[in-house]
PDB file of N, CA and C in Angstrom:
ATOM      1  N   MET A   1      30.846 -18.287  19.367  1.00  0.00           N
ATOM      2  CA  MET A   1      29.496 -17.782  19.242  1.00  0.00           C
ATOM      3  C   MET A   1      28.906 -17.608  20.657  1.00  0.00           C
ATOM      4  N   PRO A   2      28.199 -16.492  20.925  1.00  0.00           N
ATOM      5  CA  PRO A   2      27.608 -16.279  22.250  1.00  0.00           C
ATOM      6  C   PRO A   2      26.565 -17.344  22.586  1.00  0.00           C
ATOM      7  N   LYS A   3      26.371 -17.596  23.885  1.00  0.00           N
ATOM      8  CA  LYS A   3      25.413 -18.615  24.329  1.00  0.00           C
ATOM      9  C   LYS A   3      23.987 -18.297  23.901  1.00  0.00           C
ATOM     10  N   ASN A   4      23.617 -16.999  23.929  1.00  0.00           N
ATOM     11  CA  ASN A   4      22.230 -16.639  23.641  1.00  0.00           C
ATOM     12  C   ASN A   4      21.977 -16.359  22.161  1.00  0.00           C
ATOM     13  N   PHE A   5      22.915 -16.736  21.299  1.00  0.00           N
ATOM     14  CA  PHE A   5      22.749 -16.509  19.868  1.00  0.00           C
ATOM     15  C   PHE A   5      21.681 -17.465  19.329  1.00  0.00           C
ATOM     16  N   VAL A   6      20.713 -16.914  18.596  1.00  0.00           N
ATOM     17  CA  VAL A   6      19.658 -17.731  17.988  1.00  0.00           C
ATOM     18  C   VAL A   6      19.672 -17.462  16.496  1.00  0.00           C
ATOM     19  N   SER A   7      19.772 -18.493  15.749  1.00  0.00           N
ATOM     20  CA  SER A   7      19.780 -18.363  14.296  1.00  0.00           C
ATOM     21  C   SER A   7      18.343 -18.411  13.785  1.00  0.00           C
ATOM     22  N   HIS A   8      17.997 -17.466  12.936  1.00  0.00           N
ATOM     23  CA  HIS A   8      16.655 -17.428  12.347  1.00  0.00           C
ATOM     24  C   HIS A   8      16.778 -17.636  10.845  1.00  0.00           C
ATOM     25  N   LYS A   9      16.025 -18.555  10.340  1.00  0.00           N
ATOM     26  CA  LYS A   9      15.980 -18.742   8.891  1.00  0.00           C
ATOM     27  C   LYS A   9      14.942 -17.790   8.331  1.00  0.00           C
ATOM     28  N   LYS A  10      15.245 -17.225   7.174  1.00  0.00           N
ATOM     29  CA  LYS A  10      14.305 -16.292   6.551  1.00  0.00           C
ATOM     30  C   LYS A  10      13.084 -17.059   6.052  1.00  0.00           C
ATOM     31  N   LYS A  11      11.910 -16.600   6.461  1.00  0.00           N
ATOM     32  CA  LYS A  11      10.654 -17.205   6.013  1.00  0.00           C
ATOM     33  C   LYS A  11       9.781 -16.117   5.406  1.00  0.00           C
ATOM     34  N   GLU A  12       9.107 -16.461   4.351  1.00  0.00           N
ATOM     35  CA  GLU A  12       8.121 -15.540   3.798  1.00  0.00           C
ATOM     36  C   GLU A  12       6.780 -15.923   4.388  1.00  0.00           C
ATOM     37  N   TYR A  13       6.067 -14.932   4.867  1.00  0.00           N
ATOM     38  CA  TYR A  13       4.779 -15.174   5.502  1.00  0.00           C
ATOM     39  C   TYR A  13       3.759 -14.246   4.888  1.00  0.00           C
ATOM     40  N   GLN A  14       2.660 -14.793   4.496  1.00  0.00           N
ATOM     41  CA  GLN A  14       1.576 -13.974   3.967  1.00  0.00           C
ATOM     42  C   GLN A  14       0.328 -14.304   4.769  1.00  0.00           C
ATOM     43  N   ASN A  15      -0.209 -13.308   5.414  1.00  0.00           N
ATOM     44  CA  ASN A  15      -1.422 -13.484   6.191  1.00  0.00           C
ATOM     45  C   ASN A  15      -2.569 -13.732   5.222  1.00  0.00           C
ATOM     46  N   PRO A  16      -3.216 -14.881   5.289  1.00  0.00           N
ATOM     47  CA  PRO A  16      -4.299 -15.164   4.331  1.00  0.00           C
ATOM     48  C   PRO A  16      -5.466 -14.190   4.441  1.00  0.00           C
ATOM     49  N   ASP A  17      -5.663 -13.580   5.609  1.00  0.00           N
ATOM     50  CA  ASP A  17      -6.748 -12.622   5.758  1.00  0.00           C
ATOM     51  C   ASP A  17      -6.473 -11.334   4.990  1.00  0.00           C
ATOM     52  N   LEU A  18      -5.194 -11.023   4.754  1.00  0.00           N
ATOM     53  CA  LEU A  18      -4.834  -9.786   4.070  1.00  0.00           C
ATOM     54  C   LEU A  18      -4.419 -10.021   2.623  1.00  0.00           C
ATOM     55  N   ALA A  19      -4.535 -11.238   2.146  1.00  0.00           N
ATOM     56  CA  ALA A  19      -4.111 -11.546   0.788  1.00  0.00           C
ATOM     57  C   ALA A  19      -4.937 -10.783  -0.248  1.00  0.00           C
ATOM     58  N   ASP A  20      -6.207 -10.545   0.034  1.00  0.00           N
ATOM     59  CA  ASP A  20      -7.074  -9.823  -0.888  1.00  0.00           C
ATOM     60  C   ASP A  20      -7.053  -8.339  -0.518  1.00  0.00           C
ATOM     61  N   ILE A  21      -6.386  -7.547  -1.316  1.00  0.00           N
ATOM     62  CA  ILE A  21      -6.229  -6.114  -1.039  1.00  0.00           C
ATOM     63  C   ILE A  21      -7.567  -5.379  -1.078  1.00  0.00           C
ATOM     64  N   ASN A  22      -8.566  -5.953  -1.730  1.00  0.00           N
ATOM     65  CA  ASN A  22      -9.877  -5.309  -1.817  1.00  0.00           C
ATOM     66  C   ASN A  22     -10.647  -5.345  -0.497  1.00  0.00           C
ATOM     67  N   LEU A  23     -10.147  -6.088   0.478  1.00  0.00           N
ATOM     68  CA  LEU A  23     -10.808  -6.164   1.781  1.00  0.00           C
ATOM     69  C   LEU A  23     -10.453  -4.991   2.689  1.00  0.00           C
ATOM     70  N   PHE A  24      -9.404  -4.244   2.352  1.00  0.00           N
ATOM     71  CA  PHE A  24      -9.004  -3.105   3.178  1.00  0.00           C
ATOM     72  C   PHE A  24     -10.032  -1.975   3.043  1.00  0.00           C
ATOM     73  N   PRO A  25     -10.361  -1.300   4.131  1.00  0.00           N
ATOM     74  CA  PRO A  25     -11.259  -0.133   4.029  1.00  0.00           C
ATOM     75  C   PRO A  25     -10.505   1.049   3.425  1.00  0.00           C
ATOM     76  N   TYR A  26     -11.232   2.053   2.997  1.00  0.00           N
ATOM     77  CA  TYR A  26     -10.590   3.270   2.501  1.00  0.00           C
ATOM     78  C   TYR A  26      -9.821   3.929   3.643  1.00  0.00           C
ATOM     79  N   PRO A  27      -8.717   4.597   3.335  1.00  0.00           N
ATOM     80  CA  PRO A  27      -7.972   5.289   4.398  1.00  0.00           C
ATOM     81  C   PRO A  27      -8.822   6.386   5.044  1.00  0.00           C
ATOM     82  N   GLU A  28      -8.655   6.579   6.321  1.00  0.00           N
ATOM     83  CA  GLU A  28      -9.357   7.639   7.045  1.00  0.00           C
ATOM     84  C   GLU A  28      -8.627   8.948   6.803  1.00  0.00           C
ATOM     85  N   ARG A  29      -9.315   9.943   6.313  1.00  0.00           N
ATOM     86  CA  ARG A  29      -8.687  11.220   5.974  1.00  0.00           C
ATOM     87  C   ARG A  29      -9.259  12.379   6.791  1.00  0.00           C
ATOM     88  N   ASN A  30     -10.015  12.094   7.841  1.00  0.00           N
ATOM     89  CA  ASN A  30     -10.647  13.152   8.631  1.00  0.00           C
ATOM     90  C   ASN A  30      -9.681  13.922   9.513  1.00  0.00           C
ATOM     91  N   ASP A  31      -8.517  13.359   9.810  1.00  0.00           N
ATOM     92  CA  ASP A  31      -7.608  14.008  10.748  1.00  0.00           C
ATOM     93  C   ASP A  31      -6.720  15.073  10.100  1.00  0.00           C
ATOM     94  N   THR A  32      -6.740  15.194   8.781  1.00  0.00           N
ATOM     95  CA  THR A  32      -5.929  16.184   8.087  1.00  0.00           C
ATOM     96  C   THR A  32      -6.839  17.156   7.339  1.00  0.00           C
ATOM     97  N   PRO A  33      -6.693  18.452   7.590  1.00  0.00           N
ATOM     98  CA  PRO A  33      -7.518  19.421   6.856  1.00  0.00           C
ATOM     99  C   PRO A  33      -7.262  19.348   5.347  1.00  0.00           C
ATOM    100  N   LEU A  34      -8.294  19.574   4.579  1.00  0.00           N
ATOM    101  CA  LEU A  34      -8.231  19.474   3.126  1.00  0.00           C
ATOM    102  C   LEU A  34      -7.158  20.381   2.528  1.00  0.00           C
ATOM    103  N   LYS A  35      -6.860  21.513   3.167  1.00  0.00           N
ATOM    104  CA  LYS A  35      -5.870  22.440   2.604  1.00  0.00           C
ATOM    105  C   LYS A  35      -4.466  21.824   2.524  1.00  0.00           C
ATOM    106  N   TYR A  36      -4.219  20.746   3.288  1.00  0.00           N
ATOM    107  CA  TYR A  36      -2.909  20.099   3.256  1.00  0.00           C
ATOM    108  C   TYR A  36      -2.801  18.997   2.206  1.00  0.00           C
ATOM    109  N   PHE A  37      -3.889  18.688   1.518  1.00  0.00           N
ATOM    110  CA  PHE A  37      -3.842  17.703   0.448  1.00  0.00           C
ATOM    111  C   PHE A  37      -3.386  18.379  -0.834  1.00  0.00           C
ATOM    112  N   ASN A  38      -2.114  18.587  -0.937  1.00  0.00           N
ATOM    113  CA  ASN A  38      -1.582  19.183  -2.165  1.00  0.00           C
ATOM    114  C   ASN A  38      -0.196  18.634  -2.434  1.00  0.00           C
ATOM    115  N   GLU A  39       0.221  18.736  -3.644  1.00  0.00           N
ATOM    116  CA  GLU A  39       1.534  18.295  -4.083  1.00  0.00           C
ATOM    117  C   GLU A  39       2.165  19.482  -4.787  1.00  0.00           C
ATOM    118  N   PRO A  40       3.375  19.876  -4.397  1.00  0.00           N
ATOM    119  CA  PRO A  40       3.993  21.067  -5.003  1.00  0.00           C
ATOM    120  C   PRO A  40       4.101  20.997  -6.522  1.00  0.00           C
ATOM    121  N   SER A  41       4.260  19.797  -7.086  1.00  0.00           N
ATOM    122  CA  SER A  41       4.414  19.693  -8.540  1.00  0.00           C
ATOM    123  C   SER A  41       3.075  19.723  -9.280  1.00  0.00           C
ATOM    124  N   CYS A  42       1.964  19.703  -8.541  1.00  0.00           N
ATOM    125  CA  CYS A  42       0.629  19.747  -9.158  1.00  0.00           C
ATOM    126  C   CYS A  42      -0.038  21.077  -8.821  1.00  0.00           C
ATOM    127  N   TRP A  43      -0.948  21.499  -9.663  1.00  0.00           N
ATOM    128  CA  TRP A  43      -1.695  22.717  -9.389  1.00  0.00           C
ATOM    129  C   TRP A  43      -3.001  22.335  -8.720  1.00  0.00           C
ATOM    130  N   GLY A  44      -3.288  22.973  -7.642  1.00  0.00           N
ATOM    131  CA  GLY A  44      -4.537  22.699  -6.945  1.00  0.00           C
ATOM    132  C   GLY A  44      -4.397  21.557  -5.958  1.00  0.00           C
ATOM    133  N   LYS A  45      -5.509  21.164  -5.404  1.00  0.00           N
ATOM    134  CA  LYS A  45      -5.540  20.107  -4.401  1.00  0.00           C
ATOM    135  C   LYS A  45      -5.574  18.731  -5.067  1.00  0.00           C
ATOM    136  N   ASN A  46      -4.980  17.758  -4.397  1.00  0.00           N
ATOM    137  CA  ASN A  46      -5.045  16.391  -4.897  1.00  0.00           C
ATOM    138  C   ASN A  46      -4.939  15.428  -3.735  1.00  0.00           C
ATOM    139  N   ILE A  47      -5.438  14.246  -3.916  1.00  0.00           N
ATOM    140  CA  ILE A  47      -5.410  13.198  -2.911  1.00  0.00           C
ATOM    141  C   ILE A  47      -4.848  11.942  -3.571  1.00  0.00           C
ATOM    142  N   VAL A  48      -3.926  11.290  -2.898  1.00  0.00           N
ATOM    143  CA  VAL A  48      -3.318  10.074  -3.423  1.00  0.00           C
ATOM    144  C   VAL A  48      -4.229   8.882  -3.113  1.00  0.00           C
ATOM    145  N   ILE A  49      -4.473   8.086  -4.125  1.00  0.00           N
ATOM    146  CA  ILE A  49      -5.242   6.857  -3.970  1.00  0.00           C
ATOM    147  C   ILE A  49      -4.307   5.711  -4.348  1.00  0.00           C
ATOM    148  N   VAL A  50      -4.109   4.786  -3.441  1.00  0.00           N
ATOM    149  CA  VAL A  50      -3.221   3.652  -3.680  1.00  0.00           C
ATOM    150  C   VAL A  50      -4.027   2.527  -4.318  1.00  0.00           C
ATOM    151  N   SER A  51      -3.597   2.094  -5.488  1.00  0.00           N
ATOM    152  CA  SER A  51      -4.350   1.068  -6.207  1.00  0.00           C
ATOM    153  C   SER A  51      -3.644  -0.280  -6.238  1.00  0.00           C
ATOM    154  N   SER A  52      -2.462  -0.370  -5.617  1.00  0.00           N
ATOM    155  CA  SER A  52      -1.747  -1.647  -5.572  1.00  0.00           C
ATOM    156  C   SER A  52      -0.780  -1.652  -4.394  1.00  0.00           C
ATOM    157  N   ARG A  53      -0.307  -2.833  -4.071  1.00  0.00           N
ATOM    158  CA  ARG A  53       0.733  -2.998  -3.054  1.00  0.00           C
ATOM    159  C   ARG A  53       1.775  -3.953  -3.597  1.00  0.00           C
ATOM    160  N   GLY A  54       3.003  -3.711  -3.199  1.00  0.00           N
ATOM    161  CA  GLY A  54       4.088  -4.549  -3.669  1.00  0.00           C
ATOM    162  C   GLY A  54       4.624  -4.026  -4.980  1.00  0.00           C
ATOM    163  N   CYS A  55       5.352  -4.849  -5.676  1.00  0.00           N
ATOM    164  CA  CYS A  55       5.945  -4.459  -6.963  1.00  0.00           C
ATOM    165  C   CYS A  55       5.906  -5.649  -7.904  1.00  0.00           C
ATOM    166  N   ARG A  56       5.584  -5.385  -9.148  1.00  0.00           N
ATOM    167  CA  ARG A  56       5.473  -6.476 -10.114  1.00  0.00           C
ATOM    168  C   ARG A  56       6.811  -6.855 -10.726  1.00  0.00           C
ATOM    169  N   PHE A  57       7.849  -6.049 -10.477  1.00  0.00           N
ATOM    170  CA  PHE A  57       9.174  -6.337 -11.011  1.00  0.00           C
ATOM    171  C   PHE A  57      10.005  -7.074  -9.972  1.00  0.00           C
ATOM    172  N   ASN A  58      11.106  -7.633 -10.375  1.00  0.00           N
ATOM    173  CA  ASN A  58      11.979  -8.364  -9.460  1.00  0.00           C
ATOM    174  C   ASN A  58      13.408  -7.868  -9.655  1.00  0.00           C
ATOM    175  N   CYS A  59      13.610  -6.564  -9.467  1.00  0.00           N
ATOM    176  CA  CYS A  59      14.928  -5.963  -9.681  1.00  0.00           C
ATOM    177  C   CYS A  59      15.911  -6.431  -8.604  1.00  0.00           C
ATOM    178  N   SER A  60      17.140  -6.683  -9.002  1.00  0.00           N
ATOM    179  CA  SER A  60      18.138  -7.189  -8.061  1.00  0.00           C
ATOM    180  C   SER A  60      18.611  -6.120  -7.081  1.00  0.00           C
ATOM    181  N   PHE A  61      18.440  -4.851  -7.400  1.00  0.00           N
ATOM    182  CA  PHE A  61      18.940  -3.771  -6.546  1.00  0.00           C
ATOM    183  C   PHE A  61      17.880  -3.213  -5.595  1.00  0.00           C
ATOM    184  N   CYS A  62      16.652  -3.677  -5.677  1.00  0.00           N
ATOM    185  CA  CYS A  62      15.543  -3.084  -4.932  1.00  0.00           C
ATOM    186  C   CYS A  62      15.207  -3.908  -3.692  1.00  0.00           C
ATOM    187  N   ASN A  63      14.740  -3.219  -2.651  1.00  0.00           N
ATOM    188  CA  ASN A  63      14.381  -3.923  -1.420  1.00  0.00           C
ATOM    189  C   ASN A  63      12.876  -4.191  -1.302  1.00  0.00           C
ATOM    190  N   ALA A  64      12.106  -3.945  -2.332  1.00  0.00           N
ATOM    191  CA  ALA A  64      10.658  -4.185  -2.265  1.00  0.00           C
ATOM    192  C   ALA A  64      10.345  -5.654  -1.992  1.00  0.00           C
ATOM    193  N   GLY A  65      11.143  -6.554  -2.521  1.00  0.00           N
ATOM    194  CA  GLY A  65      10.939  -7.979  -2.267  1.00  0.00           C
ATOM    195  C   GLY A  65      11.114  -8.330  -0.805  1.00  0.00           C
ATOM    196  N   CYS A  66      12.039  -7.635  -0.130  1.00  0.00           N
ATOM    197  CA  CYS A  66      12.246  -7.863   1.311  1.00  0.00           C
ATOM    198  C   CYS A  66      11.079  -7.314   2.119  1.00  0.00           C
ATOM    199  N   ILE A  67      10.517  -6.206   1.683  1.00  0.00           N
ATOM    200  CA  ILE A  67       9.440  -5.560   2.417  1.00  0.00           C
ATOM    201  C   ILE A  67       8.107  -6.268   2.183  1.00  0.00           C
ATOM    202  N   TYR A  68       7.776  -6.502   0.930  1.00  0.00           N
ATOM    203  CA  TYR A  68       6.471  -7.060   0.591  1.00  0.00           C
ATOM    204  C   TYR A  68       6.487  -8.571   0.406  1.00  0.00           C
ATOM    205  N   GLY A  69       7.661  -9.168   0.268  1.00  0.00           N
ATOM    206  CA  GLY A  69       7.768 -10.585  -0.063  1.00  0.00           C
ATOM    207  C   GLY A  69       7.820 -10.737  -1.569  1.00  0.00           C
ATOM    208  N   LYS A  70       8.561 -11.680  -2.023  1.00  0.00           N
ATOM    209  CA  LYS A  70       8.698 -11.862  -3.473  1.00  0.00           C
ATOM    210  C   LYS A  70       7.366 -12.252  -4.086  1.00  0.00           C
ATOM    211  N   ARG A  71       7.116 -11.700  -5.237  1.00  0.00           N
ATOM    212  CA  ARG A  71       5.904 -12.008  -6.005  1.00  0.00           C
ATOM    213  C   ARG A  71       4.623 -11.738  -5.218  1.00  0.00           C
ATOM    214  N   SER A  72       4.620 -10.675  -4.463  1.00  0.00           N
ATOM    215  CA  SER A  72       3.413 -10.366  -3.687  1.00  0.00           C
ATOM    216  C   SER A  72       2.707  -9.124  -4.216  1.00  0.00           C
ATOM    217  N   TYR A  73       2.831  -8.865  -5.504  1.00  0.00           N
ATOM    218  CA  TYR A  73       2.154  -7.719  -6.104  1.00  0.00           C
ATOM    219  C   TYR A  73       0.658  -7.972  -6.128  1.00  0.00           C
ATOM    220  N   ARG A  74      -0.095  -7.051  -5.526  1.00  0.00           N
ATOM    221  CA  ARG A  74      -1.545  -7.187  -5.469  1.00  0.00           C
ATOM    222  C   ARG A  74      -2.183  -5.912  -5.987  1.00  0.00           C
ATOM    223  N   MET A  75      -3.163  -6.042  -6.848  1.00  0.00           N
ATOM    224  CA  MET A  75      -3.863  -4.884  -7.405  1.00  0.00           C
ATOM    225  C   MET A  75      -5.288  -4.849  -6.877  1.00  0.00           C
ATOM    226  N   ARG A  76      -5.777  -3.630  -6.661  1.00  0.00           N
ATOM    227  CA  ARG A  76      -7.174  -3.462  -6.272  1.00  0.00           C
ATOM    228  C   ARG A  76      -8.058  -3.612  -7.491  1.00  0.00           C
ATOM    229  N   ASN A  77      -9.285  -3.973  -7.246  1.00  0.00           N
ATOM    230  CA  ASN A  77     -10.285  -4.057  -8.293  1.00  0.00           C
ATOM    231  C   ASN A  77     -10.507  -2.652  -8.853  1.00  0.00           C
ATOM    232  N   PRO A  78     -10.439  -2.454 -10.181  1.00  0.00           N
ATOM    233  CA  PRO A  78     -10.633  -1.117 -10.759  1.00  0.00           C
ATOM    234  C   PRO A  78     -11.952  -0.471 -10.340  1.00  0.00           C
ATOM    235  N   LYS A  79     -13.010  -1.249 -10.214  1.00  0.00           N
ATOM    236  CA  LYS A  79     -14.297  -0.692  -9.784  1.00  0.00           C
ATOM    237  C   LYS A  79     -14.180  -0.114  -8.379  1.00  0.00           C
ATOM    238  N   ASP A  80     -13.444  -0.782  -7.502  1.00  0.00           N
ATOM    239  CA  ASP A  80     -13.251  -0.298  -6.137  1.00  0.00           C
ATOM    240  C   ASP A  80     -12.462   1.012  -6.118  1.00  0.00           C
ATOM    241  N   VAL A  81     -11.487   1.142  -7.001  1.00  0.00           N
ATOM    242  CA  VAL A  81     -10.707   2.386  -7.092  1.00  0.00           C
ATOM    243  C   VAL A  81     -11.609   3.538  -7.544  1.00  0.00           C
ATOM    244  N   VAL A  82     -12.440   3.289  -8.555  1.00  0.00           N
ATOM    245  CA  VAL A  82     -13.357   4.319  -9.050  1.00  0.00           C
ATOM    246  C   VAL A  82     -14.398   4.660  -7.982  1.00  0.00           C
ATOM    247  N   ASP A  83     -14.867   3.647  -7.259  1.00  0.00           N
ATOM    248  CA  ASP A  83     -15.807   3.910  -6.157  1.00  0.00           C
ATOM    249  C   ASP A  83     -15.175   4.798  -5.097  1.00  0.00           C
ATOM    250  N   GLU A  84     -13.890   4.582  -4.803  1.00  0.00           N
ATOM    251  CA  GLU A  84     -13.205   5.436  -3.830  1.00  0.00           C
ATOM    252  C   GLU A  84     -13.086   6.869  -4.357  1.00  0.00           C
ATOM    253  N   MET A  85     -12.808   7.024  -5.643  1.00  0.00           N
ATOM    254  CA  MET A  85     -12.748   8.363  -6.241  1.00  0.00           C
ATOM    255  C   MET A  85     -14.085   9.085  -6.098  1.00  0.00           C
ATOM    256  N   GLU A  86     -15.160   8.391  -6.415  1.00  0.00           N
ATOM    257  CA  GLU A  86     -16.495   8.993  -6.305  1.00  0.00           C
ATOM    258  C   GLU A  86     -16.833   9.325  -4.856  1.00  0.00           C
ATOM    259  N   TYR A  87     -16.459   8.453  -3.952  1.00  0.00           N
ATOM    260  CA  TYR A  87     -16.688   8.698  -2.529  1.00  0.00           C
ATOM    261  C   TYR A  87     -15.944   9.942  -2.071  1.00  0.00           C
ATOM    262  N   LEU A  88     -14.675  10.078  -2.473  1.00  0.00           N
ATOM    263  CA  LEU A  88     -13.887  11.247  -2.058  1.00  0.00           C
ATOM    264  C   LEU A  88     -14.424  12.534  -2.679  1.00  0.00           C
ATOM    265  N   LYS A  89     -14.860  12.459  -3.929  1.00  0.00           N
ATOM    266  CA  LYS A  89     -15.420  13.647  -4.581  1.00  0.00           C
ATOM    267  C   LYS A  89     -16.690  14.109  -3.853  1.00  0.00           C
ATOM    268  N   LYS A  90     -17.521  13.157  -3.486  1.00  0.00           N
ATOM    269  CA  LYS A  90     -18.769  13.477  -2.795  1.00  0.00           C
ATOM    270  C   LYS A  90     -18.500  13.989  -1.379  1.00  0.00           C
ATOM    271  N   LYS A  91     -17.563  13.338  -0.681  1.00  0.00           N
ATOM    272  CA  LYS A  91     -17.288  13.683   0.707  1.00  0.00           C
ATOM    273  C   LYS A  91     -16.499  14.984   0.850  1.00  0.00           C
ATOM    274  N   LEU A  92     -15.527  15.209  -0.028  1.00  0.00           N
ATOM    275  CA  LEU A  92     -14.654  16.361   0.111  1.00  0.00           C
ATOM    276  C   LEU A  92     -14.979  17.444  -0.896  1.00  0.00           C
TER     277      LEU A  92
END
């Protein structure tokens, strides 16, 4: 084994300040013109609103657990999602 080899044990870390997904501000969308908010499979303009992070399943073939940490599925408050929809409708 090389002299500078350092073994790291896998640790799951969750920042307590970010544990509540409702604390995140709405994404800033001013840098992209509205004409680019479209999806080829949809007709007309659309904007993606993310209402959760992580995954509620624990599939053995998926890497979401490695990315988000096991059992770290977090959902936004439904009222906050609707408020974001109303904000985007009014703003755009």
